[in-house]
PDB file of N, CA and C in Angstrom:
ATOM      1  N   MET A   1     -86.499  31.408  64.791  1.00  0.00           N
ATOM      2  CA  MET A   1     -87.459  31.493  63.714  1.00  0.00           C
ATOM      3  C   MET A   1     -87.647  32.970  63.358  1.00  0.00           C
ATOM      4  N   ALA A   2     -87.683  33.265  62.099  1.00  0.00           N
ATOM      5  CA  ALA A   2     -87.840  34.641  61.621  1.00  0.00           C
ATOM      6  C   ALA A   2     -89.315  35.011  61.583  1.00  0.00           C
ATOM      7  N   SER A   3     -89.574  36.268  61.839  1.00  0.00           N
ATOM      8  CA  SER A   3     -90.957  36.749  61.767  1.00  0.00           C
ATOM      9  C   SER A   3     -91.042  37.885  60.757  1.00  0.00           C
ATOM     10  N   THR A   4     -92.222  38.101  60.247  1.00  0.00           N
ATOM     11  CA  THR A   4     -92.457  39.146  59.263  1.00  0.00           C
ATOM     12  C   THR A   4     -92.929  40.399  59.965  1.00  0.00           C
ATOM     13  N   ARG A   5     -92.329  41.522  59.585  1.00  0.00           N
ATOM     14  CA  ARG A   5     -92.727  42.800  60.146  1.00  0.00           C
ATOM     15  C   ARG A   5     -93.046  43.755  59.000  1.00  0.00           C
ATOM     16  N   ILE A   6     -94.209  44.350  59.026  1.00  0.00           N
ATOM     17  CA  ILE A   6     -94.622  45.285  57.992  1.00  0.00           C
ATOM     18  C   ILE A   6     -94.642  46.679  58.590  1.00  0.00           C
ATOM     19  N   SER A   7     -93.914  47.585  57.944  1.00  0.00           N
ATOM     20  CA  SER A   7     -93.820  48.953  58.441  1.00  0.00           C
ATOM     21  C   SER A   7     -95.029  49.769  57.989  1.00  0.00           C
ATOM     22  N   ALA A   8     -95.446  50.700  58.820  1.00  0.00           N
ATOM     23  CA  ALA A   8     -96.558  51.591  58.474  1.00  0.00           C
ATOM     24  C   ALA A   8     -96.079  52.777  57.658  1.00  0.00           C
ATOM     25  N   GLN A   9     -94.763  52.962  57.560  1.00  0.00           N
ATOM     26  CA  GLN A   9     -94.209  54.092  56.821  1.00  0.00           C
ATOM     27  C   GLN A   9     -93.953  53.713  55.376  1.00  0.00           C
ATOM     28  N   LEU A  10     -94.060  54.727  54.502  1.00  0.00           N
ATOM     29  CA  LEU A  10     -93.765  54.506  53.092  1.00  0.00           C
ATOM     30  C   LEU A  10     -92.262  54.346  52.896  1.00  0.00           C
ATOM     31  N   PRO A  11     -91.845  53.643  51.864  1.00  0.00           N
ATOM     32  CA  PRO A  11     -90.417  53.564  51.560  1.00  0.00           C
ATOM     33  C   PRO A  11     -89.860  54.968  51.314  1.00  0.00           C
ATOM     34  N   PRO A  12     -88.591  55.195  51.588  1.00  0.00           N
ATOM     35  CA  PRO A  12     -88.032  56.550  51.477  1.00  0.00           C
ATOM     36  C   PRO A  12     -87.984  57.099  50.055  1.00  0.00           C
ATOM     37  N   ASP A  13     -88.037  56.251  49.043  1.00  0.00           N
ATOM     38  CA  ASP A  13     -87.950  56.733  47.664  1.00  0.00           C
ATOM     39  C   ASP A  13     -89.323  56.967  47.017  1.00  0.00           C
ATOM     40  N   ILE A  14     -90.398  56.904  47.761  1.00  0.00           N
ATOM     41  CA  ILE A  14     -91.734  57.157  47.233  1.00  0.00           C
ATOM     42  C   ILE A  14     -92.221  58.513  47.729  1.00  0.00           C
ATOM     43  N   ASP A  15     -92.594  59.376  46.791  1.00  0.00           N
ATOM     44  CA  ASP A  15     -93.091  60.708  47.133  1.00  0.00           C
ATOM     45  C   ASP A  15     -94.618  60.701  47.047  1.00  0.00           C
ATOM     46  N   PRO A  16     -95.327  60.852  48.176  1.00  0.00           N
ATOM     47  CA  PRO A  16     -96.793  60.783  48.150  1.00  0.00           C
ATOM     48  C   PRO A  16     -97.451  61.992  47.479  1.00  0.00           C
ATOM     49  N   THR A  17     -96.677  63.043  47.187  1.00  0.00           N
ATOM     50  CA  THR A  17     -97.279  64.218  46.550  1.00  0.00           C
ATOM     51  C   THR A  17     -97.332  64.101  45.036  1.00  0.00           C
ATOM     52  N   LYS A  18     -96.734  63.069  44.472  1.00  0.00           N
ATOM     53  CA  LYS A  18     -96.722  62.918  43.021  1.00  0.00           C
ATOM     54  C   LYS A  18     -97.615  61.773  42.599  1.00  0.00           C
ATOM     55  N   ALA A  19     -98.330  61.997  41.537  1.00  0.00           N
ATOM     56  CA  ALA A  19     -99.227  60.969  41.016  1.00  0.00           C
ATOM     57  C   ALA A  19     -98.434  59.968  40.197  1.00  0.00           C
ATOM     58  N   PRO A  20     -98.787  58.706  40.265  1.00  0.00           N
ATOM     59  CA  PRO A  20     -98.172  57.758  39.341  1.00  0.00           C
ATOM     60  C   PRO A  20     -98.693  58.060  37.935  1.00  0.00           C
ATOM     61  N   ILE A  21     -97.787  58.190  36.989  1.00  0.00           N
ATOM     62  CA  ILE A  21     -98.225  58.570  35.643  1.00  0.00           C
ATOM     63  C   ILE A  21     -98.100  57.402  34.686  1.00  0.00           C
ATOM     64  N   ALA A  22     -98.924  57.420  33.681  1.00  0.00           N
ATOM     65  CA  ALA A  22     -98.894  56.382  32.661  1.00  0.00           C
ATOM     66  C   ALA A  22     -97.671  56.594  31.768  1.00  0.00           C
ATOM     67  N   PHE A  23     -97.338  55.610  30.978  1.00  0.00           N
ATOM     68  CA  PHE A  23     -96.185  55.701  30.099  1.00  0.00           C
ATOM     69  C   PHE A  23     -96.611  56.054  28.688  1.00  0.00           C
ATOM     70  N   GLY A  24     -95.680  56.630  27.959  1.00  0.00           N
ATOM     71  CA  GLY A  24     -95.869  56.883  26.540  1.00  0.00           C
ATOM     72  C   GLY A  24     -96.940  57.911  26.231  1.00  0.00           C
ATOM     73  N   ARG A  25     -97.719  57.601  25.225  1.00  0.00           N
ATOM     74  CA  ARG A  25     -98.715  58.558  24.746  1.00  0.00           C
ATOM     75  C   ARG A  25     -99.884  58.734  25.711  1.00  0.00           C
ATOM     76  N   ARG A  26    -100.045  57.854  26.644  1.00  0.00           N
ATOM     77  CA  ARG A  26    -101.193  57.908  27.557  1.00  0.00           C
ATOM     78  C   ARG A  26    -100.959  58.804  28.774  1.00  0.00           C
ATOM     79  N   ALA A  27     -99.711  59.219  29.020  1.00  0.00           N
ATOM     80  CA  ALA A  27     -99.387  59.983  30.230  1.00  0.00           C
ATOM     81  C   ALA A  27    -100.129  61.321  30.284  1.00  0.00           C
ATOM     82  N   LEU A  28    -100.007  62.130  29.257  1.00  0.00           N
ATOM     83  CA  LEU A  28    -100.635  63.454  29.288  1.00  0.00           C
ATOM     84  C   LEU A  28    -102.163  63.398  29.243  1.00  0.00           C
ATOM     85  N   PRO A  29    -102.773  62.562  28.419  1.00  0.00           N
ATOM     86  CA  PRO A  29    -104.243  62.484  28.479  1.00  0.00           C
ATOM     87  C   PRO A  29    -104.763  62.060  29.848  1.00  0.00           C
ATOM     88  N   LYS A  30    -104.049  61.145  30.504  1.00  0.00           N
ATOM     89  CA  LYS A  30    -104.465  60.707  31.839  1.00  0.00           C
ATOM     90  C   LYS A  30    -104.346  61.852  32.840  1.00  0.00           C
ATOM     91  N   LEU A  31    -103.263  62.633  32.773  1.00  0.00           N
ATOM     92  CA  LEU A  31    -103.109  63.778  33.661  1.00  0.00           C
ATOM     93  C   LEU A  31    -104.166  64.842  33.371  1.00  0.00           C
ATOM     94  N   ASN A  32    -104.544  64.986  32.107  1.00  0.00           N
ATOM     95  CA  ASN A  32    -105.590  65.943  31.745  1.00  0.00           C
ATOM     96  C   ASN A  32    -106.919  65.559  32.387  1.00  0.00           C
ATOM     97  N   GLU A  33    -107.198  64.265  32.440  1.00  0.00           N
ATOM     98  CA  GLU A  33    -108.413  63.786  33.121  1.00  0.00           C
ATOM     99  C   GLU A  33    -108.327  64.045  34.625  1.00  0.00           C
ATOM    100  N   GLU A  34    -107.134  63.802  35.185  1.00  0.00           N
ATOM    101  CA  GLU A  34    -106.978  63.915  36.628  1.00  0.00           C
ATOM    102  C   GLU A  34    -107.025  65.364  37.123  1.00  0.00           C
ATOM    103  N   ILE A  35    -106.585  66.325  36.314  1.00  0.00           N
ATOM    104  CA  ILE A  35    -106.667  67.710  36.786  1.00  0.00           C
ATOM    105  C   ILE A  35    -108.099  68.222  36.776  1.00  0.00           C
ATOM    106  N   GLN A  36    -108.988  67.505  36.097  1.00  0.00           N
ATOM    107  CA  GLN A  36    -110.403  67.871  36.088  1.00  0.00           C
ATOM    108  C   GLN A  36    -111.202  67.072  37.119  1.00  0.00           C
ATOM    109  N   SER A  37    -110.517  66.277  37.917  1.00  0.00           N
ATOM    110  CA  SER A  37    -111.170  65.437  38.920  1.00  0.00           C
ATOM    111  C   SER A  37    -111.808  66.288  40.017  1.00  0.00           C
ATOM    112  N   PRO A  38    -112.915  65.834  40.588  1.00  0.00           N
ATOM    113  CA  PRO A  38    -113.516  66.572  41.704  1.00  0.00           C
ATOM    114  C   PRO A  38    -112.743  66.417  43.012  1.00  0.00           C
ATOM    115  N   GLU A  39    -111.834  65.433  43.085  1.00  0.00           N
ATOM    116  CA  GLU A  39    -111.054  65.210  44.299  1.00  0.00           C
ATOM    117  C   GLU A  39    -109.831  66.123  44.316  1.00  0.00           C
ATOM    118  N   LEU A  40    -109.674  66.868  45.386  1.00  0.00           N
ATOM    119  CA  LEU A  40    -108.588  67.831  45.510  1.00  0.00           C
ATOM    120  C   LEU A  40    -107.224  67.155  45.472  1.00  0.00           C
ATOM    121  N   LEU A  41    -107.045  66.063  46.193  1.00  0.00           N
ATOM    122  CA  LEU A  41    -105.753  65.387  46.242  1.00  0.00           C
ATOM    123  C   LEU A  41    -105.349  64.861  44.866  1.00  0.00           C
ATOM    124  N   THR A  42    -106.299  64.359  44.106  1.00  0.00           N
ATOM    125  CA  THR A  42    -106.018  63.872  42.759  1.00  0.00           C
ATOM    126  C   THR A  42    -105.558  65.019  41.876  1.00  0.00           C
ATOM    127  N   GLN A  43    -106.212  66.162  41.971  1.00  0.00           N
ATOM    128  CA  GLN A  43    -105.802  67.332  41.192  1.00  0.00           C
ATOM    129  C   GLN A  43    -104.393  67.780  41.570  1.00  0.00           C
ATOM    130  N   GLN A  44    -104.124  67.856  42.865  1.00  0.00           N
ATOM    131  CA  GLN A  44    -102.814  68.300  43.317  1.00  0.00           C
ATOM    132  C   GLN A  44    -101.711  67.359  42.851  1.00  0.00           C
ATOM    133  N   ARG A  45    -101.926  66.067  42.957  1.00  0.00           N
ATOM    134  CA  ARG A  45    -100.923  65.099  42.515  1.00  0.00           C
ATOM    135  C   ARG A  45    -100.696  65.186  41.009  1.00  0.00           C
ATOM    136  N   ALA A  46    -101.766  65.340  40.246  1.00  0.00           N
ATOM    137  CA  ALA A  46    -101.633  65.449  38.793  1.00  0.00           C
ATOM    138  C   ALA A  46    -100.862  66.711  38.415  1.00  0.00           C
ATOM    139  N   LEU A  47    -101.117  67.800  39.115  1.00  0.00           N
ATOM    140  CA  LEU A  47    -100.402  69.041  38.825  1.00  0.00           C
ATOM    141  C   LEU A  47     -98.921  68.929  39.176  1.00  0.00           C
ATOM    142  N   MET A  48     -98.603  68.234  40.255  1.00  0.00           N
ATOM    143  CA  MET A  48     -97.198  68.017  40.628  1.00  0.00           C
ATOM    144  C   MET A  48     -96.478  67.210  39.540  1.00  0.00           C
ATOM    145  N   ALA A  49     -97.127  66.155  39.058  1.00  0.00           N
ATOM    146  CA  ALA A  49     -96.522  65.323  38.012  1.00  0.00           C
ATOM    147  C   ALA A  49     -96.397  66.097  36.706  1.00  0.00           C
ATOM    148  N   LEU A  50     -97.420  66.867  36.366  1.00  0.00           N
ATOM    149  CA  LEU A  50     -97.391  67.658  35.143  1.00  0.00           C
ATOM    150  C   LEU A  50     -96.292  68.710  35.198  1.00  0.00           C
ATOM    151  N   CYS A  51     -96.077  69.271  36.370  1.00  0.00           N
ATOM    152  CA  CYS A  51     -95.039  70.275  36.536  1.00  0.00           C
ATOM    153  C   CYS A  51     -93.665  69.697  36.185  1.00  0.00           C
ATOM    154  N   ASP A  52     -93.441  68.443  36.504  1.00  0.00           N
ATOM    155  CA  ASP A  52     -92.181  67.793  36.153  1.00  0.00           C
ATOM    156  C   ASP A  52     -92.092  67.513  34.653  1.00  0.00           C
ATOM    157  N   LEU A  53     -93.204  67.183  34.027  1.00  0.00           N
ATOM    158  CA  LEU A  53     -93.190  66.807  32.614  1.00  0.00           C
ATOM    159  C   LEU A  53     -93.023  67.990  31.664  1.00  0.00           C
ATOM    160  N   VAL A  54     -93.531  69.164  32.028  1.00  0.00           N
ATOM    161  CA  VAL A  54     -93.536  70.282  31.077  1.00  0.00           C
ATOM    162  C   VAL A  54     -92.171  70.938  30.900  1.00  0.00           C
ATOM    163  N   HIS A  55     -91.162  70.409  31.530  1.00  0.00           N
ATOM    164  CA  HIS A  55     -89.812  70.921  31.269  1.00  0.00           C
ATOM    165  C   HIS A  55     -89.304  70.447  29.914  1.00  0.00           C
ATOM    166  N   ASP A  56     -89.939  69.444  29.362  1.00  0.00           N
ATOM    167  CA  ASP A  56     -89.587  68.907  28.049  1.00  0.00           C
ATOM    168  C   ASP A  56     -90.449  69.603  26.979  1.00  0.00           C
ATOM    169  N   PRO A  57     -89.815  70.277  25.998  1.00  0.00           N
ATOM    170  CA  PRO A  57     -90.592  70.986  24.963  1.00  0.00           C
ATOM    171  C   PRO A  57     -91.554  70.086  24.192  1.00  0.00           C
ATOM    172  N   GLU A  58     -91.181  68.828  23.995  1.00  0.00           N
ATOM    173  CA  GLU A  58     -92.069  67.911  23.286  1.00  0.00           C
ATOM    174  C   GLU A  58     -93.347  67.657  24.086  1.00  0.00           C
ATOM    175  N   LYS A  59     -93.221  67.543  25.402  1.00  0.00           N
ATOM    176  CA  LYS A  59     -94.391  67.348  26.259  1.00  0.00           C
ATOM    177  C   LYS A  59     -95.263  68.607  26.272  1.00  0.00           C
ATOM    178  N   VAL A  60     -94.623  69.779  26.209  1.00  0.00           N
ATOM    179  CA  VAL A  60     -95.384  71.031  26.149  1.00  0.00           C
ATOM    180  C   VAL A  60     -96.222  71.059  24.877  1.00  0.00           C
ATOM    181  N   TYR A  61     -95.595  70.685  23.758  1.00  0.00           N
ATOM    182  CA  TYR A  61     -96.316  70.647  22.480  1.00  0.00           C
ATOM    183  C   TYR A  61     -97.505  69.695  22.559  1.00  0.00           C
ATOM    184  N   GLN A  62     -97.292  68.500  23.110  1.00  0.00           N
ATOM    185  CA  GLN A  62     -98.367  67.524  23.240  1.00  0.00           C
ATOM    186  C   GLN A  62     -99.468  68.038  24.167  1.00  0.00           C
ATOM    187  N   ALA A  63     -99.070  68.695  25.247  1.00  0.00           N
ATOM    188  CA  ALA A  63    -100.055  69.226  26.199  1.00  0.00           C
ATOM    189  C   ALA A  63    -100.931  70.284  25.541  1.00  0.00           C
ATOM    190  N   ILE A  64    -100.338  71.124  24.722  1.00  0.00           N
ATOM    191  CA  ILE A  64    -101.113  72.157  24.023  1.00  0.00           C
ATOM    192  C   ILE A  64    -102.080  71.508  23.048  1.00  0.00           C
ATOM    193  N   GLN A  65    -101.619  70.479  22.335  1.00  0.00           N
ATOM    194  CA  GLN A  65    -102.477  69.782  21.377  1.00  0.00           C
ATOM    195  C   GLN A  65    -103.653  69.085  22.068  1.00  0.00           C
ATOM    196  N   ILE A  66    -103.426  68.569  23.252  1.00  0.00           N
ATOM    197  CA  ILE A  66    -104.484  67.866  23.997  1.00  0.00           C
ATOM    198  C   ILE A  66    -105.531  68.841  24.527  1.00  0.00           C
ATOM    199  N   GLY A  67    -105.123  70.061  24.829  1.00  0.00           N
ATOM    200  CA  GLY A  67    -106.065  71.049  25.345  1.00  0.00           C
ATOM    201  C   GLY A  67    -105.854  71.399  26.806  1.00  0.00           C
ATOM    202  N   PHE A  68    -104.634  71.242  27.285  1.00  0.00           N
ATOM    203  CA  PHE A  68    -104.330  71.545  28.676  1.00  0.00           C
ATOM    204  C   PHE A  68    -104.532  73.015  29.016  1.00  0.00           C
ATOM    205  N   VAL A  69    -104.253  73.904  28.079  1.00  0.00           N
ATOM    206  CA  VAL A  69    -104.257  75.336  28.387  1.00  0.00           C
ATOM    207  C   VAL A  69    -105.632  75.787  28.875  1.00  0.00           C
ATOM    208  N   GLU A  70    -106.683  75.351  28.233  1.00  0.00           N
ATOM    209  CA  GLU A  70    -108.038  75.719  28.669  1.00  0.00           C
ATOM    210  C   GLU A  70    -108.333  75.197  30.068  1.00  0.00           C
ATOM    211  N   ASN A  71    -107.953  73.950  30.324  1.00  0.00           N
ATOM    212  CA  ASN A  71    -108.197  73.367  31.646  1.00  0.00           C
ATOM    213  C   ASN A  71    -107.358  74.048  32.718  1.00  0.00           C
ATOM    214  N   LEU A  72    -106.141  74.419  32.378  1.00  0.00           N
ATOM    215  CA  LEU A  72    -105.287  75.115  33.337  1.00  0.00           C
ATOM    216  C   LEU A  72    -105.808  76.521  33.614  1.00  0.00           C
ATOM    217  N   LYS A  73    -106.347  77.163  32.605  1.00  0.00           N
ATOM    218  CA  LYS A  73    -106.926  78.500  32.820  1.00  0.00           C
ATOM    219  C   LYS A  73    -108.095  78.422  33.800  1.00  0.00           C
ATOM    220  N   ASN A  74    -108.877  77.373  33.720  1.00  0.00           N
ATOM    221  CA  ASN A  74    -109.994  77.194  34.654  1.00  0.00           C
ATOM    222  C   ASN A  74    -109.503  76.967  36.082  1.00  0.00           C
ATOM    223  N   LEU A  75    -108.358  76.307  36.220  1.00  0.00           N
ATOM    224  CA  LEU A  75    -107.824  76.024  37.552  1.00  0.00           C
ATOM    225  C   LEU A  75    -107.233  77.263  38.229  1.00  0.00           C
ATOM    226  N   LEU A  76    -106.994  78.315  37.474  1.00  0.00           N
ATOM    227  CA  LEU A  76    -106.481  79.550  38.080  1.00  0.00           C
ATOM    228  C   LEU A  76    -107.486  80.168  39.041  1.00  0.00           C
ATOM    229  N   LEU A  77    -108.749  79.795  38.919  1.00  0.00           N
ATOM    230  CA  LEU A  77    -109.802  80.310  39.799  1.00  0.00           C
ATOM    231  C   LEU A  77    -110.190  79.310  40.892  1.00  0.00           C
ATOM    232  N   HIS A  78    -109.400  78.271  41.074  1.00  0.00           N
ATOM    233  CA  HIS A  78    -109.701  77.209  42.035  1.00  0.00           C
ATOM    234  C   HIS A  78    -109.655  77.745  43.463  1.00  0.00           C
ATOM    235  N   HIS A  79    -110.436  77.149  44.362  1.00  0.00           N
ATOM    236  CA  HIS A  79    -110.493  77.599  45.760  1.00  0.00           C
ATOM    237  C   HIS A  79    -109.237  77.242  46.540  1.00  0.00           C
ATOM    238  N   ASP A  80    -108.463  76.238  46.093  1.00  0.00           N
ATOM    239  CA  ASP A  80    -107.272  75.802  46.813  1.00  0.00           C
ATOM    240  C   ASP A  80    -106.036  76.552  46.321  1.00  0.00           C
ATOM    241  N   SER A  81    -105.258  77.085  47.252  1.00  0.00           N
ATOM    242  CA  SER A  81    -104.087  77.884  46.880  1.00  0.00           C
ATOM    243  C   SER A  81    -102.978  77.033  46.258  1.00  0.00           C
ATOM    244  N   THR A  82    -102.850  75.772  46.662  1.00  0.00           N
ATOM    245  CA  THR A  82    -101.834  74.905  46.077  1.00  0.00           C
ATOM    246  C   THR A  82    -102.127  74.644  44.611  1.00  0.00           C
ATOM    247  N   VAL A  83    -103.382  74.416  44.288  1.00  0.00           N
ATOM    248  CA  VAL A  83    -103.774  74.190  42.890  1.00  0.00           C
ATOM    249  C   VAL A  83    -103.480  75.441  42.066  1.00  0.00           C
ATOM    250  N   ARG A  84    -103.827  76.596  42.579  1.00  0.00           N
ATOM    251  CA  ARG A  84    -103.557  77.845  41.852  1.00  0.00           C
ATOM    252  C   ARG A  84    -102.060  78.059  41.659  1.00  0.00           C
ATOM    253  N   GLN A  85    -101.270  77.776  42.681  1.00  0.00           N
ATOM    254  CA  GLN A  85     -99.830  77.982  42.613  1.00  0.00           C
ATOM    255  C   GLN A  85     -99.182  77.051  41.585  1.00  0.00           C
ATOM    256  N   LYS A  86     -99.501  75.766  41.637  1.00  0.00           N
ATOM    257  CA  LYS A  86     -98.912  74.817  40.699  1.00  0.00           C
ATOM    258  C   LYS A  86     -99.388  75.084  39.276  1.00  0.00           C
ATOM    259  N   THR A  87    -100.631  75.512  39.120  1.00  0.00           N
ATOM    260  CA  THR A  87    -101.144  75.858  37.789  1.00  0.00           C
ATOM    261  C   THR A  87    -100.360  77.028  37.216  1.00  0.00           C
ATOM    262  N   THR A  88    -100.123  78.027  38.026  1.00  0.00           N
ATOM    263  CA  THR A  88     -99.350  79.188  37.583  1.00  0.00           C
ATOM    264  C   THR A  88     -97.933  78.777  37.213  1.00  0.00           C
ATOM    265  N   GLU A  89     -97.343  77.911  38.006  1.00  0.00           N
ATOM    266  CA  GLU A  89     -95.982  77.439  37.733  1.00  0.00           C
ATOM    267  C   GLU A  89     -95.923  76.677  36.411  1.00  0.00           C
ATOM    268  N   ILE A  90     -96.913  75.825  36.163  1.00  0.00           N
ATOM    269  CA  ILE A  90     -96.949  75.059  34.909  1.00  0.00           C
ATOM    270  C   ILE A  90     -97.096  75.988  33.719  1.00  0.00           C
ATOM    271  N   LEU A  91     -97.998  76.946  33.807  1.00  0.00           N
ATOM    272  CA  LEU A  91     -98.188  77.886  32.691  1.00  0.00           C
ATOM    273  C   LEU A  91     -96.928  78.708  32.449  1.00  0.00           C
ATOM    274  N   CYS A  92     -96.231  79.066  33.513  1.00  0.00           N
ATOM    275  CA  CYS A  92     -94.990  79.825  33.386  1.00  0.00           C
ATOM    276  C   CYS A  92     -93.916  78.992  32.687  1.00  0.00           C
ATOM    277  N   ILE A  93     -93.776  77.743  33.091  1.00  0.00           N
ATOM    278  CA  ILE A  93     -92.785  76.859  32.465  1.00  0.00           C
ATOM    279  C   ILE A  93     -93.131  76.633  30.998  1.00  0.00           C
ATOM    280  N   MET A  94     -94.409  76.446  30.703  1.00  0.00           N
ATOM    281  CA  MET A  94     -94.830  76.254  29.318  1.00  0.00           C
ATOM    282  C   MET A  94     -94.521  77.485  28.477  1.00  0.00           C
ATOM    283  N   ALA A  95     -94.705  78.661  29.046  1.00  0.00           N
ATOM    284  CA  ALA A  95     -94.455  79.903  28.306  1.00  0.00           C
ATOM    285  C   ALA A  95     -92.963  80.149  28.073  1.00  0.00           C
ATOM    286  N   MET A  96     -92.112  79.513  28.868  1.00  0.00           N
ATOM    287  CA  MET A  96     -90.669  79.665  28.670  1.00  0.00           C
ATOM    288  C   MET A  96     -90.184  78.941  27.424  1.00  0.00           C
ATOM    289  N   HIS A  97     -90.897  77.911  27.018  1.00  0.00           N
ATOM    290  CA  HIS A  97     -90.530  77.185  25.799  1.00  0.00           C
ATOM    291  C   HIS A  97     -91.094  77.913  24.588  1.00  0.00           C
ATOM    292  N   ASN A  98     -90.370  77.857  23.491  1.00  0.00           N
ATOM    293  CA  ASN A  98     -90.822  78.519  22.273  1.00  0.00           C
ATOM    294  C   ASN A  98     -92.169  77.984  21.824  1.00  0.00           C
ATOM    295  N   VAL A  99     -92.369  76.675  21.902  1.00  0.00           N
ATOM    296  CA  VAL A  99     -93.631  76.078  21.478  1.00  0.00           C
ATOM    297  C   VAL A  99     -94.782  76.533  22.375  1.00  0.00           C
ATOM    298  N   GLY A 100     -94.488  76.893  23.611  1.00  0.00           N
ATOM    299  CA  GLY A 100     -95.519  77.371  24.521  1.00  0.00           C
ATOM    300  C   GLY A 100     -95.945  78.799  24.263  1.00  0.00           C
ATOM    301  N   ARG A 101     -95.115  79.539  23.527  1.00  0.00           N
ATOM    302  CA  ARG A 101     -95.455  80.923  23.197  1.00  0.00           C
ATOM    303  C   ARG A 101     -96.147  81.046  21.850  1.00  0.00           C
ATOM    304  N   VAL A 102     -96.261  79.954  21.131  1.00  0.00           N
ATOM    305  CA  VAL A 102     -96.879  79.963  19.810  1.00  0.00           C
ATOM    306  C   VAL A 102     -98.166  79.174  19.873  1.00  0.00           C
ATOM    307  N   ASP A 103     -99.256  79.775  19.394  1.00  0.00           N
ATOM    308  CA  ASP A 103    -100.524  79.028  19.395  1.00  0.00           C
ATOM    309  C   ASP A 103    -100.556  78.070  18.217  1.00  0.00           C
ATOM    310  N   THR A 104    -101.624  77.320  18.083  1.00  0.00           N
ATOM    311  CA  THR A 104    -101.716  76.289  17.049  1.00  0.00           C
ATOM    312  C   THR A 104    -101.797  76.857  15.637  1.00  0.00           C
ATOM    313  N   LYS A 105    -102.120  78.138  15.487  1.00  0.00           N
ATOM    314  CA  LYS A 105    -102.185  78.750  14.169  1.00  0.00           C
ATOM    315  C   LYS A 105    -100.826  79.304  13.746  1.00  0.00           C
ATOM    316  N   GLY A 106     -99.828  79.273  14.666  1.00  0.00           N
ATOM    317  CA  GLY A 106     -98.480  79.685  14.306  1.00  0.00           C
ATOM    318  C   GLY A 106     -98.134  81.116  14.666  1.00  0.00           C
ATOM    319  N   SER A 107     -99.064  81.883  15.217  1.00  0.00           N
ATOM    320  CA  SER A 107     -98.738  83.248  15.593  1.00  0.00           C
ATOM    321  C   SER A 107     -98.306  83.288  17.047  1.00  0.00           C
ATOM    322  N   ASN A 108     -97.422  84.230  17.371  1.00  0.00           N
ATOM    323  CA  ASN A 108     -96.950  84.341  18.748  1.00  0.00           C
ATOM    324  C   ASN A 108     -98.076  84.837  19.648  1.00  0.00           C
ATOM    325  N   THR A 109     -98.186  84.229  20.813  1.00  0.00           N
ATOM    326  CA  THR A 109     -99.202  84.646  21.779  1.00  0.00           C
ATOM    327  C   THR A 109     -98.602  85.543  22.851  1.00  0.00           C
ATOM    328  N   CYS A 110     -97.264  85.540  22.955  1.00  0.00           N
ATOM    329  CA  CYS A 110     -96.589  86.380  23.954  1.00  0.00           C
ATOM    330  C   CYS A 110     -95.679  87.372  23.247  1.00  0.00           C
ATOM    331  N   PRO A 111     -95.748  88.656  23.586  1.00  0.00           N
ATOM    332  CA  PRO A 111     -94.844  89.611  22.957  1.00  0.00           C
ATOM    333  C   PRO A 111     -93.421  89.377  23.443  1.00  0.00           C
ATOM    334  N   ARG A 112     -92.475  89.719  22.598  1.00  0.00           N
ATOM    335  CA  ARG A 112     -91.069  89.546  22.978  1.00  0.00           C
ATOM    336  C   ARG A 112     -90.471  90.827  23.440  1.00  0.00           C
TER     337      ARG A 112
END
């Protein structure tokens, strides 16, 4: 007779440091809410997921329109070093894209 055994370990293809993200237009607004969460783990997971998304210029444009830059600037003063590090990495990746160097009024925010 076969018996059922449940493992206490996570499957090998699941990364516990990344937040599950919503699909489509809801992904970035949900991450914007999560980076403002009072829970440290929620913030860290959201920043990890956002770091993966901002490699796409279209996502950078959407993030700027949503208002991520202000929230990310606030996180630069966070007490946790991981939050500060991932925030800096996200801002750096965003600045590498042309859309990340241009503000909403169309003028360059970074000198060339």
